Amino acid sequence: MEVMTLERTLTELDHVRLLNLLRRDAHADRLPAPLQAVGDLLDACVIVPSRQVAPDVVTMGSEVIVEDRQTRQRTTMTLCYPADAEPALGRVSVLSPVGSALLGLRVGSLARWALPTGDEKAAEVLAVLFQPEAGGDYVM
């Protein structure tokens, strides 16, 4: 099932931390594409208190299962900040194309992003296996 929605939900804490991350790197006249994508998301998202975020929303620190729309391959990923990213271990940076595409989506939503080659990728969010807020961690 694919949920057709443009709404993205971020917690107040994730929103503030990501704004600070962008501000730190915003000294250039023009932000690199990954930073611009996150900046656009921050401008357009719905912001909720951490205690009120739905458990099926992809937040920072969430572990999710996604399914590639073309190959049907399922992958488990954890969304993290750049310093904690280890793609080989499934820890994807929020500043990567796939990371920024996943942030704020709900289970059933379709994440879309561009590869360095310019090709488009799409994956459905099948499950949120772990979300810090759902586990009572509001400051992760």
Protein backbone atom coordinates (compact mmCIF):
# COMPACT_ATOMS: atom_id res chain seq x y z
CA MET A 1 0.00 0.00 0.00
CA GLU A 2 1.40 3.39 -0.99
CA VAL A 3 0.24 6.47 0.87
CA MET A 4 0.05 9.43 -1.48
CA THR A 5 0.94 12.39 0.71
CA LEU A 6 3.31 15.30 0.50
CA GLU A 7 3.17 16.03 4.22
CA ARG A 8 6.34 15.37 6.16
CA THR A 9 6.40 15.41 9.96
CA LEU A 10 9.41 16.35 12.08
CA THR A 11 9.76 16.56 15.83
CA GLU A 12 10.64 19.93 17.33
CA LEU A 13 13.99 18.54 18.46
CA ASP A 14 14.89 17.09 15.05
CA HIS A 15 13.86 20.37 13.41
CA VAL A 16 16.07 22.47 15.71
CA ARG A 17 19.06 20.13 15.42
CA LEU A 18 18.83 20.03 11.63
CA LEU A 19 18.46 23.82 11.42
CA ASN A 20 21.63 24.15 13.50
CA LEU A 21 23.42 21.65 11.26
CA LEU A 22 22.46 23.65 8.17
CA ARG A 23 23.40 26.98 9.74
CA ARG A 24 26.83 25.62 10.59
CA ASP A 25 27.37 24.73 6.94
CA ALA A 26 25.54 27.74 5.44
CA HIS A 27 28.62 29.95 5.06
CA ALA A 28 28.66 29.34 1.30
CA ASP A 29 26.62 31.45 -1.12
CA ARG A 30 24.79 28.36 -2.27
CA LEU A 31 24.10 25.23 -0.26
CA PRO A 32 25.13 21.88 -1.76
CA ALA A 33 22.16 19.85 -3.06
CA PRO A 34 21.87 17.53 -0.02
CA LEU A 35 21.79 20.50 2.36
CA GLN A 36 19.32 22.33 0.13
CA ALA A 37 16.99 19.30 0.14
CA VAL A 38 17.00 19.21 3.94
CA GLY A 39 16.53 22.99 4.08
CA ASP A 40 13.51 22.75 1.80
CA LEU A 41 12.08 19.99 3.99
CA LEU A 42 12.57 22.08 7.13
CA ASP A 43 10.69 24.96 5.51
CA ALA A 44 7.72 22.81 4.45
CA CYS A 45 7.31 20.20 7.19
CA VAL A 46 4.75 19.86 9.96
CA ILE A 47 6.49 20.26 13.33
CA VAL A 48 5.19 18.36 16.36
CA PRO A 49 6.41 17.91 19.94
CA SER A 50 8.48 14.73 20.32
CA ARG A 51 5.90 13.20 22.66
CA GLN A 52 3.19 13.64 20.03
CA VAL A 53 4.87 12.21 16.92
CA ALA A 54 3.07 9.16 15.51
CA PRO A 55 5.02 5.90 15.91
CA ASP A 56 4.93 5.24 12.14
CA VAL A 57 6.86 8.43 11.26
CA VAL A 58 10.55 8.24 10.30
CA THR A 59 12.43 10.47 12.75
CA MET A 60 16.15 10.88 13.42
CA GLY A 61 17.48 7.63 14.86
CA SER A 62 14.64 5.57 13.40
CA GLU A 63 15.35 2.12 12.00
CA VAL A 64 13.19 1.41 8.97
CA ILE A 65 12.58 -1.24 6.33
CA VAL A 66 12.23 0.08 2.79
CA GLU A 67 11.46 -1.75 -0.42
CA ASP A 68 13.00 -0.65 -3.71
CA ARG A 69 10.12 -0.06 -6.14
CA GLN A 70 12.06 -1.42 -9.11
CA THR A 71 13.91 -4.45 -7.70
CA ARG A 72 11.59 -5.23 -4.75
CA GLN A 73 14.72 -5.62 -2.61
CA ARG A 74 14.11 -4.85 1.05
CA THR A 75 16.72 -2.97 3.06
CA THR A 76 16.93 -2.02 6.72
CA MET A 77 18.34 1.45 7.39
CA THR A 78 18.86 3.69 10.40
CA LEU A 79 18.56 7.44 9.81
CA CYS A 80 21.39 9.32 11.53
CA TYR A 81 23.39 12.54 11.60
CA PRO A 82 26.41 12.78 9.26
CA ALA A 83 29.01 12.08 11.97
CA ASP A 84 27.31 8.75 12.78
CA ALA A 85 26.79 7.57 9.20
CA GLU A 86 28.16 4.14 8.25
CA PRO A 87 26.42 3.13 5.01
CA ALA A 88 27.95 -0.36 5.03
CA LEU A 89 26.19 -0.94 8.37
CA GLY A 90 22.91 0.55 7.18
CA ARG A 91 23.39 3.88 9.00
CA VAL A 92 22.46 6.54 6.43
CA SER A 93 23.05 10.25 6.88
CA VAL A 94 20.09 12.58 6.84
CA LEU A 95 22.16 14.68 4.42
CA SER A 96 22.37 11.84 1.89
CA PRO A 97 19.76 11.77 -0.88
CA VAL A 98 18.05 8.68 0.56
CA GLY A 99 18.26 10.02 4.12
CA SER A 100 16.61 13.34 3.32
CA ALA A 101 14.00 11.49 1.23
CA LEU A 102 13.04 9.29 4.20
CA LEU A 103 12.93 11.89 6.96
CA GLY A 104 9.41 12.67 8.11
CA LEU A 105 7.66 10.05 5.98
CA ARG A 106 5.07 7.62 7.34
CA VAL A 107 4.85 3.88 6.80
CA GLY A 108 3.33 3.30 3.37
CA SER A 109 4.83 6.49 1.89
CA LEU A 110 7.09 6.52 -1.11
CA ALA A 111 10.57 8.04 -0.76
CA ARG A 112 12.04 9.42 -4.01
CA TRP A 113 15.60 10.62 -4.58
CA ALA A 114 18.15 11.13 -7.33
CA LEU A 115 21.31 9.06 -7.70
CA PRO A 116 24.64 10.76 -8.56
CA THR A 117 24.06 9.54 -12.14
CA GLY A 118 20.84 11.55 -12.26
CA ASP A 119 18.66 8.43 -12.28
CA GLU A 120 15.64 8.47 -9.98
CA LYS A 121 15.16 5.91 -7.20
CA ALA A 122 12.03 5.18 -5.21
CA ALA A 123 11.39 3.00 -2.17
CA GLU A 124 8.33 2.41 -0.05
CA VAL A 125 8.62 2.71 3.72
CA LEU A 126 7.34 -0.70 4.85
CA ALA A 127 7.94 -0.47 8.59
CA VAL A 128 9.47 1.60 11.36
CA LEU A 129 11.23 -1.05 13.45
CA PHE A 130 12.49 1.45 16.00
CA GLN A 131 11.69 5.08 16.63
CA PRO A 132 13.36 6.79 19.61
CA GLU A 133 10.24 8.73 20.53
CA ALA A 134 8.01 5.64 20.48
CA GLY A 135 10.44 4.09 22.96
CA GLY A 136 10.21 7.10 25.28
CA ASP A 137 13.53 8.69 24.21
CA TYR A 138 12.74 12.33 23.53
CA VAL A 139 16.32 13.68 23.58
CA MET A 140 18.31 11.17 21.52
